[in-house]
C-alpha atoms as a PDB file:
ATOM      1  CA  MET A   1     -21.418  22.831  19.846  1.00  0.00           C
ATOM      2  CA  THR A   2     -22.672  23.050  16.053  1.00  0.00           C
ATOM      3  CA  ALA A   3     -21.893  26.582  15.755  1.00  0.00           C
ATOM      4  CA  LEU A   4     -18.211  25.841  17.201  1.00  0.00           C
ATOM      5  CA  ALA A   5     -17.950  22.893  14.771  1.00  0.00           C
ATOM      6  CA  ALA A   6     -19.077  25.054  11.750  1.00  0.00           C
ATOM      7  CA  TRP A   7     -16.479  27.522  12.719  1.00  0.00           C
ATOM      8  CA  TYR A   8     -13.655  25.094  12.315  1.00  0.00           C
ATOM      9  CA  LEU A   9     -14.976  23.584   9.109  1.00  0.00           C
ATOM     10  CA  PRO A  10     -14.094  24.778   5.765  1.00  0.00           C
ATOM     11  CA  LEU A  11     -16.657  26.820   3.827  1.00  0.00           C
ATOM     12  CA  GLY A  12     -18.868  24.638   1.759  1.00  0.00           C
ATOM     13  CA  PHE A  13     -17.740  21.340   3.769  1.00  0.00           C
ATOM     14  CA  GLY A  14     -20.821  19.094   4.126  1.00  0.00           C
ATOM     15  CA  PHE A  15     -21.983  15.637   5.007  1.00  0.00           C
ATOM     16  CA  ALA A  16     -21.181  14.392   1.568  1.00  0.00           C
ATOM     17  CA  HIS A  17     -17.621  15.501   1.831  1.00  0.00           C
ATOM     18  CA  ALA A  18     -17.092  13.777   5.373  1.00  0.00           C
ATOM     19  CA  ALA A  19     -18.476  10.733   3.751  1.00  0.00           C
ATOM     20  CA  ALA A  20     -16.009  10.724   0.825  1.00  0.00           C
ATOM     21  CA  ILE A  21     -13.091  11.461   3.069  1.00  0.00           C
ATOM     22  CA  VAL A  22     -13.954   8.649   5.640  1.00  0.00           C
ATOM     23  CA  LEU A  23     -14.756   6.304   2.820  1.00  0.00           C
ATOM     24  CA  ILE A  24     -11.081   6.757   1.537  1.00  0.00           C
ATOM     25  CA  LEU A  25      -9.631   6.245   4.754  1.00  0.00           C
ATOM     26  CA  VAL A  26     -11.679   3.198   6.090  1.00  0.00           C
ATOM     27  CA  LEU A  27     -11.394   1.310   2.560  1.00  0.00           C
ATOM     28  CA  TRP A  28      -7.619   1.892   2.419  1.00  0.00           C
ATOM     29  CA  GLY A  29      -7.023   1.269   6.262  1.00  0.00           C
ATOM     30  CA  PHE A  30      -9.146  -1.785   6.479  1.00  0.00           C
ATOM     31  CA  TYR A  31      -8.450  -3.143   3.077  1.00  0.00           C
ATOM     32  CA  THR A  32      -6.827  -6.324   4.216  1.00  0.00           C
ATOM     33  CA  PRO A  33      -9.234  -7.298   6.998  1.00  0.00           C
ATOM     34  CA  ILE A  34     -11.985  -6.693   4.701  1.00  0.00           C
ATOM     35  CA  LEU A  35     -10.331  -8.971   2.125  1.00  0.00           C
ATOM     36  CA  ALA A  36      -9.765 -11.752   4.602  1.00  0.00           C
ATOM     37  CA  CYS A  37     -13.605 -11.848   5.235  1.00  0.00           C
ATOM     38  CA  LEU A  38     -14.350 -11.953   1.448  1.00  0.00           C
ATOM     39  CA  GLY A  39     -11.993 -14.815   0.588  1.00  0.00           C
ATOM     40  CA  ARG A  40      -8.594 -16.319   0.969  1.00  0.00           C
ATOM     41  CA  GLY A  41      -7.071 -12.876   2.089  1.00  0.00           C
ATOM     42  CA  SER A  42      -4.650 -11.005   0.129  1.00  0.00           C
ATOM     43  CA  LEU A  43      -2.240 -12.521  -2.412  1.00  0.00           C
ATOM     44  CA  ASN A  44       0.646 -11.466  -0.160  1.00  0.00           C
ATOM     45  CA  SER A  45      -0.834 -13.439   2.689  1.00  0.00           C
ATOM     46  CA  GLN A  46      -1.251 -16.682   0.414  1.00  0.00           C
ATOM     47  CA  LEU A  47       2.151 -16.262  -0.831  1.00  0.00           C
ATOM     48  CA  HIS A  48       3.529 -16.588   2.595  1.00  0.00           C
ATOM     49  CA  SER A  49       3.340 -20.143   2.321  1.00  0.00           C
ATOM     50  CA  VAL A  50       5.511 -19.842  -0.780  1.00  0.00           C
ATOM     51  CA  ARG A  51       8.233 -17.863   1.072  1.00  0.00           C
ATOM     52  CA  LEU A  52       8.103 -20.481   3.623  1.00  0.00           C
ATOM     53  CA  ARG A  53       9.126 -23.208   1.168  1.00  0.00           C
ATOM     54  CA  TRP A  54      11.693 -21.019  -0.503  1.00  0.00           C
ATOM     55  CA  LEU A  55      13.512 -20.659   2.603  1.00  0.00           C
ATOM     56  CA  GLU A  56      13.314 -24.251   3.178  1.00  0.00           C
ATOM     57  CA  VAL A  57      14.868 -24.753   0.192  1.00  0.00           C
ATOM     58  CA  HIS A  58      17.236 -21.932   0.764  1.00  0.00           C
ATOM     59  CA  GLN A  59      18.538 -23.920   3.738  1.00  0.00           C
ATOM     60  CA  ASP A  60      18.959 -27.029   1.766  1.00  0.00           C
ATOM     61  CA  THR A  61      21.252 -25.749  -1.030  1.00  0.00           C
ATOM     62  CA  GLY A  62      24.731 -24.240  -1.346  1.00  0.00           C
ATOM     63  CA  ARG A  63      25.791 -20.743  -0.785  1.00  0.00           C
ATOM     64  CA  GLU A  64      25.980 -19.965  -4.641  1.00  0.00           C
ATOM     65  CA  HIS A  65      22.191 -20.265  -4.518  1.00  0.00           C
ATOM     66  CA  ARG A  66      21.885 -17.787  -1.755  1.00  0.00           C
ATOM     67  CA  VAL A  67      23.771 -15.222  -3.767  1.00  0.00           C
ATOM     68  CA  PHE A  68      21.050 -15.680  -6.427  1.00  0.00           C
ATOM     69  CA  ASP A  69      18.595 -15.166  -3.739  1.00  0.00           C
ATOM     70  CA  ALA A  70      20.025 -12.044  -2.596  1.00  0.00           C
ATOM     71  CA  ILE A  71      20.515 -10.611  -6.041  1.00  0.00           C
ATOM     72  CA  LEU A  72      16.390 -11.130  -6.403  1.00  0.00           C
ATOM     73  CA  LEU A  73      15.911  -9.339  -3.261  1.00  0.00           C
ATOM     74  CA  GLY A  74      18.213  -6.709  -4.041  1.00  0.00           C
ATOM     75  CA  HIS A  75      15.903  -6.121  -7.192  1.00  0.00           C
ATOM     76  CA  ILE A  76      12.862  -5.684  -4.850  1.00  0.00           C
ATOM     77  CA  SER A  77      14.820  -3.216  -2.376  1.00  0.00           C
ATOM     78  CA  ASN A  78      15.816  -1.174  -5.525  1.00  0.00           C
ATOM     79  CA  SER A  79      12.075  -0.896  -6.673  1.00  0.00           C
ATOM     80  CA  ILE A  80      11.083   0.114  -3.067  1.00  0.00           C
ATOM     81  CA  SER A  81      13.745   2.714  -3.248  1.00  0.00           C
ATOM     82  CA  TYR A  82      12.260   3.820  -6.530  1.00  0.00           C
ATOM     83  CA  PHE A  83       8.827   4.251  -5.163  1.00  0.00           C
ATOM     84  CA  GLY A  84      10.230   6.122  -2.129  1.00  0.00           C
ATOM     85  CA  SER A  85      12.215   8.575  -4.259  1.00  0.00           C
ATOM     86  CA  GLY A  86       9.134   8.984  -6.677  1.00  0.00           C
ATOM     87  CA  THR A  87       6.707   9.556  -3.681  1.00  0.00           C
ATOM     88  CA  LEU A  88       9.181  12.163  -2.039  1.00  0.00           C
ATOM     89  CA  LEU A  89       9.106  14.342  -5.226  1.00  0.00           C
ATOM     90  CA  VAL A  90       5.374  14.037  -5.311  1.00  0.00           C
ATOM     91  CA  LEU A  91       5.099  14.877  -1.887  1.00  0.00           C
ATOM     92  CA  ALA A  92       7.527  17.993  -2.132  1.00  0.00           C
ATOM     93  CA  GLY A  93       5.349  19.327  -4.889  1.00  0.00           C
ATOM     94  CA  LEU A  94       2.192  18.986  -2.806  1.00  0.00           C
ATOM     95  CA  VAL A  95       3.825  20.765  -0.108  1.00  0.00           C
ATOM     96  CA  GLY A  96       4.747  23.428  -2.407  1.00  0.00           C
ATOM     97  CA  ALA A  97       1.110  23.826  -3.523  1.00  0.00           C
ATOM     98  CA  LEU A  98       0.205  24.072   0.123  1.00  0.00           C
ATOM     99  CA  ALA A  99       2.619  26.924   0.467  1.00  0.00           C
ATOM    100  CA  ASN A 100       1.134  28.714  -2.404  1.00  0.00           C
ATOM    101  CA  VAL A 101      -2.462  27.596  -2.183  1.00  0.00           C
ATOM    102  CA  ASN A 102      -3.896  30.870  -3.221  1.00  0.00           C
ATOM    103  CA  ASN A 103      -2.230  31.047  -6.613  1.00  0.00           C
ATOM    104  CA  VAL A 104      -2.928  27.312  -7.095  1.00  0.00           C
ATOM    105  CA  PHE A 105      -6.680  28.031  -6.306  1.00  0.00           C
ATOM    106  CA  LEU A 106      -6.870  30.661  -8.782  1.00  0.00           C
ATOM    107  CA  LEU A 107      -5.129  28.664 -11.498  1.00  0.00           C
ATOM    108  CA  THR A 108      -7.448  25.756 -11.282  1.00  0.00           C
ATOM    109  CA  ARG A 109     -10.464  27.929 -11.873  1.00  0.00           C
ATOM    110  CA  GLY A 110     -10.090  27.462 -15.448  1.00  0.00           C
ATOM    111  CA  LEU A 111     -10.107  23.820 -15.435  1.00  0.00           C
ATOM    112  CA  ALA A 112     -13.463  22.316 -16.506  1.00  0.00           C
ATOM    113  CA  PHE A 113     -13.685  19.164 -14.230  1.00  0.00           C
ATOM    114  CA  ILE A 114     -13.032  21.316 -11.100  1.00  0.00           C
ATOM    115  CA  ASP A 115     -15.997  22.155  -8.904  1.00  0.00           C
ATOM    116  CA  HIS A 116     -16.060  25.993  -9.346  1.00  0.00           C
ATOM    117  CA  SER A 117     -18.328  26.376  -6.248  1.00  0.00           C
ATOM    118  CA  MET A 118     -15.370  24.944  -4.010  1.00  0.00           C
ATOM    119  CA  SER A 119     -14.252  27.455  -1.512  1.00  0.00           C
ATOM    120  CA  LEU A 120     -10.362  28.313  -1.019  1.00  0.00           C
ATOM    121  CA  GLN A 121     -10.693  26.581   2.537  1.00  0.00           C
ATOM    122  CA  LEU A 122     -12.341  23.461   1.043  1.00  0.00           C
ATOM    123  CA  PHE A 123      -9.618  23.398  -1.838  1.00  0.00           C
ATOM    124  CA  THR A 124      -6.854  23.485   0.871  1.00  0.00           C
ATOM    125  CA  LEU A 125      -8.380  20.699   2.641  1.00  0.00           C
ATOM    126  CA  CYS A 126      -8.492  18.608  -0.446  1.00  0.00           C
ATOM    127  CA  VAL A 127      -4.761  19.420  -1.201  1.00  0.00           C
ATOM    128  CA  LEU A 128      -3.985  18.489   2.492  1.00  0.00           C
ATOM    129  CA  LEU A 129      -5.712  15.119   2.247  1.00  0.00           C
ATOM    130  CA  LEU A 130      -3.664  14.318  -0.924  1.00  0.00           C
ATOM    131  CA  THR A 131      -0.451  15.429   0.922  1.00  0.00           C
ATOM    132  CA  ALA A 132      -1.524  13.300   3.962  1.00  0.00           C
ATOM    133  CA  ILE A 133      -2.035  10.193   1.747  1.00  0.00           C
ATOM    134  CA  LEU A 134       1.116  10.543   0.117  1.00  0.00           C
ATOM    135  CA  ALA A 135       3.095  11.175   3.173  1.00  0.00           C
ATOM    136  CA  GLN A 136       1.604   7.915   4.323  1.00  0.00           C
ATOM    137  CA  CYS A 137       2.717   6.258   1.092  1.00  0.00           C
ATOM    138  CA  PHE A 138       6.230   7.435   1.773  1.00  0.00           C
ATOM    139  CA  PHE A 139       6.395   6.061   5.355  1.00  0.00           C
ATOM    140  CA  SER A 140       5.239   2.702   4.220  1.00  0.00           C
ATOM    141  CA  PHE A 141       8.092   2.381   1.499  1.00  0.00           C
ATOM    142  CA  THR A 142      10.732   3.557   3.977  1.00  0.00           C
ATOM    143  CA  TYR A 143       9.569   1.195   6.583  1.00  0.00           C
ATOM    144  CA  ALA A 144       9.515  -1.540   3.538  1.00  0.00           C
ATOM    145  CA  LEU A 145      13.091  -0.813   3.074  1.00  0.00           C
ATOM    146  CA  ARG A 146      13.861  -1.037   6.766  1.00  0.00           C
ATOM    147  CA  LYS A 147      12.213  -4.394   6.811  1.00  0.00           C
ATOM    148  CA  MET A 148      14.070  -5.739   3.823  1.00  0.00           C
ATOM    149  CA  ALA A 149      17.275  -4.844   5.589  1.00  0.00           C
ATOM    150  CA  TYR A 150      16.227  -6.947   8.440  1.00  0.00           C
ATOM    151  CA  THR A 151      15.395  -9.729   6.296  1.00  0.00           C
ATOM    152  CA  PHE A 152      18.785  -9.625   4.752  1.00  0.00           C
ATOM    153  CA  ALA A 153      20.361  -9.756   7.934  1.00  0.00           C
ATOM    154  CA  MET A 154      18.103 -12.753   8.988  1.00  0.00           C
ATOM    155  CA  LEU A 155      18.643 -14.657   5.721  1.00  0.00           C
ATOM    156  CA  GLY A 156      22.632 -14.094   6.235  1.00  0.00           C
ATOM    157  CA  GLY A 157      22.198 -15.955   9.642  1.00  0.00           C
ATOM    158  CA  LEU A 158      20.448 -19.024   8.218  1.00  0.00           C
ATOM    159  CA  GLN A 159      22.305 -22.207   8.253  1.00  0.00           C
ATOM    160  CA  ALA A 160      23.561 -23.523   4.832  1.00  0.00           C
ATOM    161  CA  THR A 161      22.366 -26.937   5.484  1.00  0.00           C
ATOM    162  CA  LYS A 162      18.983 -28.416   5.557  1.00  0.00           C
ATOM    163  CA  ALA A 163      16.697 -27.174   8.316  1.00  0.00           C
ATOM    164  CA  ASP A 164      16.619 -30.388  10.330  1.00  0.00           C
ATOM    165  CA  SER A 165      16.222 -28.895  13.958  1.00  0.00           C
ATOM    166  CA  PRO A 166      13.468 -26.863  15.467  1.00  0.00           C
ATOM    167  CA  GLN A 167      15.741 -23.893  16.067  1.00  0.00           C
ATOM    168  CA  ALA A 168      16.724 -23.802  12.205  1.00  0.00           C
ATOM    169  CA  ARG A 169      12.914 -24.138  11.244  1.00  0.00           C
ATOM    170  CA  ILE A 170      11.920 -21.275  13.513  1.00  0.00           C
ATOM    171  CA  MET A 171      14.662 -19.170  12.190  1.00  0.00           C
ATOM    172  CA  GLY A 172      13.439 -19.936   8.731  1.00  0.00           C
ATOM    173  CA  GLU A 173       9.846 -19.334   9.585  1.00  0.00           C
ATOM    174  CA  GLN A 174      10.527 -16.055  11.100  1.00  0.00           C
ATOM    175  CA  SER A 175      12.510 -14.892   8.308  1.00  0.00           C
ATOM    176  CA  ALA A 176       9.524 -15.494   6.061  1.00  0.00           C
ATOM    177  CA  VAL A 177       7.308 -13.500   8.412  1.00  0.00           C
ATOM    178  CA  VAL A 178       9.579 -10.619   8.339  1.00  0.00           C
ATOM    179  CA  LEU A 179       9.616 -10.682   4.345  1.00  0.00           C
ATOM    180  CA  THR A 180       6.058 -10.987   4.274  1.00  0.00           C
ATOM    181  CA  GLU A 181       5.702  -7.945   6.385  1.00  0.00           C
ATOM    182  CA  ALA A 182       8.209  -6.016   4.099  1.00  0.00           C
ATOM    183  CA  VAL A 183       6.015  -6.789   1.232  1.00  0.00           C
ATOM    184  CA  ARG A 184       2.617  -5.964   3.042  1.00  0.00           C
ATOM    185  CA  SER A 185       4.266  -2.487   3.682  1.00  0.00           C
ATOM    186  CA  ILE A 186       5.148  -2.060  -0.066  1.00  0.00           C
ATOM    187  CA  ASN A 187       1.571  -2.991  -0.860  1.00  0.00           C
ATOM    188  CA  THR A 188       0.099  -0.582   1.593  1.00  0.00           C
ATOM    189  CA  GLY A 189       2.159   2.259  -0.150  1.00  0.00           C
ATOM    190  CA  ILE A 190       1.389   1.361  -3.684  1.00  0.00           C
ATOM    191  CA  ARG A 191      -2.265   0.863  -2.610  1.00  0.00           C
ATOM    192  CA  GLY A 192      -2.133   4.489  -1.387  1.00  0.00           C
ATOM    193  CA  TYR A 193      -1.525   5.808  -4.914  1.00  0.00           C
ATOM    194  CA  TYR A 194      -4.645   4.208  -6.030  1.00  0.00           C
ATOM    195  CA  TYR A 195      -6.628   6.065  -3.215  1.00  0.00           C
ATOM    196  CA  ALA A 196      -4.866   9.192  -3.955  1.00  0.00           C
ATOM    197  CA  VAL A 197      -6.323   8.884  -7.297  1.00  0.00           C
ATOM    198  CA  ALA A 198      -9.697   8.669  -5.753  1.00  0.00           C
ATOM    199  CA  ALA A 199      -8.995  11.564  -3.551  1.00  0.00           C
ATOM    200  CA  LEU A 200      -8.370  13.779  -6.801  1.00  0.00           C
ATOM    201  CA  PHE A 201     -11.806  13.302  -7.634  1.00  0.00           C
ATOM    202  CA  LEU A 202     -12.633  15.507  -4.298  1.00  0.00           C
ATOM    203  CA  PHE A 203     -11.839  18.574  -6.515  1.00  0.00           C
ATOM    204  CA  ALA A 204     -14.699  17.401  -8.800  1.00  0.00           C
ATOM    205  CA  GLY A 205     -17.106  16.891  -6.063  1.00  0.00           C
ATOM    206  CA  PRO A 206     -17.717  14.660  -3.061  1.00  0.00           C
ATOM    207  CA  TRP A 207     -20.120  12.164  -5.042  1.00  0.00           C
ATOM    208  CA  ALA A 208     -17.525  11.936  -7.749  1.00  0.00           C
ATOM    209  CA  CYS A 209     -14.972  11.071  -5.218  1.00  0.00           C
ATOM    210  CA  ILE A 210     -17.196   8.594  -3.444  1.00  0.00           C
ATOM    211  CA  ALA A 211     -18.000   6.840  -6.902  1.00  0.00           C
ATOM    212  CA  ALA A 212     -14.358   6.867  -7.841  1.00  0.00           C
ATOM    213  CA  THR A 213     -13.325   5.213  -4.537  1.00  0.00           C
ATOM    214  CA  LEU A 214     -15.929   2.580  -4.874  1.00  0.00           C
ATOM    215  CA  VAL A 215     -14.741   1.710  -8.477  1.00  0.00           C
ATOM    216  CA  ILE A 216     -10.942   1.822  -7.479  1.00  0.00           C
ATOM    217  CA  THR A 217     -11.919  -0.459  -4.360  1.00  0.00           C
ATOM    218  CA  ALA A 218     -13.898  -2.962  -6.598  1.00  0.00           C
ATOM    219  CA  LEU A 219     -10.815  -2.980  -9.095  1.00  0.00           C
ATOM    220  CA  LEU A 220      -8.296  -3.948  -6.352  1.00  0.00           C
ATOM    221  CA  TYR A 221     -10.515  -6.624  -4.759  1.00  0.00           C
ATOM    222  CA  TYR A 222     -11.032  -8.238  -8.310  1.00  0.00           C
ATOM    223  CA  ARG A 223      -7.250  -8.394  -8.600  1.00  0.00           C
ATOM    224  CA  GLN A 224      -7.037  -9.930  -5.361  1.00  0.00           C
ATOM    225  CA  LEU A 225      -9.914 -12.307  -5.693  1.00  0.00           C
ATOM    226  CA  PHE A 226     -10.869 -13.076  -9.235  1.00  0.00           C
ATOM    227  CA  SER A 227      -8.208 -12.060 -11.912  1.00  0.00           C
ATOM    228  CA  PRO A 228      -6.231 -14.754 -13.730  1.00  0.00           C
ATOM    229  CA  THR A 229      -3.272 -13.884 -11.453  1.00  0.00           C
ATOM    230  CA  ALA A 230      -5.241 -14.586  -8.220  1.00  0.00           C
ATOM    231  CA  VAL A 231      -6.575 -17.643  -9.508  1.00  0.00           C
ATOM    232  CA  ALA A 232      -3.231 -19.041 -10.497  1.00  0.00           C
ATOM    233  CA  ILE A 233      -1.611 -18.124  -7.121  1.00  0.00           C
ATOM    234  CA  ALA A 234      -4.549 -19.709  -5.350  1.00  0.00           C
ATOM    235  CA  ARG A 235      -4.081 -23.075  -7.324  1.00  0.00           C
ATOM    236  CA  TYR A 236      -0.269 -22.781  -6.888  1.00  0.00           C
ATOM    237  CA  VAL A 237      -0.483 -22.471  -2.928  1.00  0.00           C
ATOM    238  CA  ASP A 238      -3.245 -25.383  -2.804  1.00  0.00           C
ATOM    239  CA  VAL A 239      -0.901 -27.862  -4.814  1.00  0.00           C
ATOM    240  CA  LEU A 240       2.160 -26.504  -2.744  1.00  0.00           C
ATOM    241  CA  LYS A 241       0.151 -27.337   0.626  1.00  0.00           C
ATOM    242  CA  SER A 242      -0.892 -30.657  -0.653  1.00  0.00           C
ATOM    243  CA  VAL A 243       2.605 -31.549  -1.750  1.00  0.00           C
ATOM    244  CA  LYS A 244       4.041 -30.539   1.772  1.00  0.00           C
ATOM    245  CA  GLY A 245       0.948 -32.358   3.387  1.00  0.00           C
END
């Protein structure tokens, strides 16, 4: 079994490379659950209460205010489209690199930060990992765009008067859920760029990749838990809940 596994693995692939790749995938994939265990959860989950409040006000105002809300959400959709288009271009470049991996491998031999002991097979695996990460980012952005389209339809169906019935409140709450899920998909795609940067360090060696992954993850957690923005949002949500209570 060991000989069969060695036959499939790239030349030079070791435990450190496997640990680096698994670390990237685990910390990226389980980012939100880990964050929930460390504190209040993601800023996006905290802002769900704000979105609920916004939609309550949205249902208690005139149609002209709804137009302004649609403009704001339209800017978000344009940002998603921008990230999706940019990711597609990067993804096309990586696919082109895979198609000409032999030439790319030879060109990188002159770079000082590249591990020159890396085999062609291992180099190809690193490029493939980057391609997979960017592909997942692209899927996240496109899914976020679809969720925003669903949000627009759900907002259009909300009544223009105050949400004074159980049905109206449920419609507002579920609209907020879909909007929060759309933002979650955006955040997953953007976060993938951070871990793509960490994956770049695989070309310098597995230990450099592990160190970069831990530093990037610590930076992301700091922004979500301890940054001035995170503290301000937490205080805002606490006051909002006390006012509603």
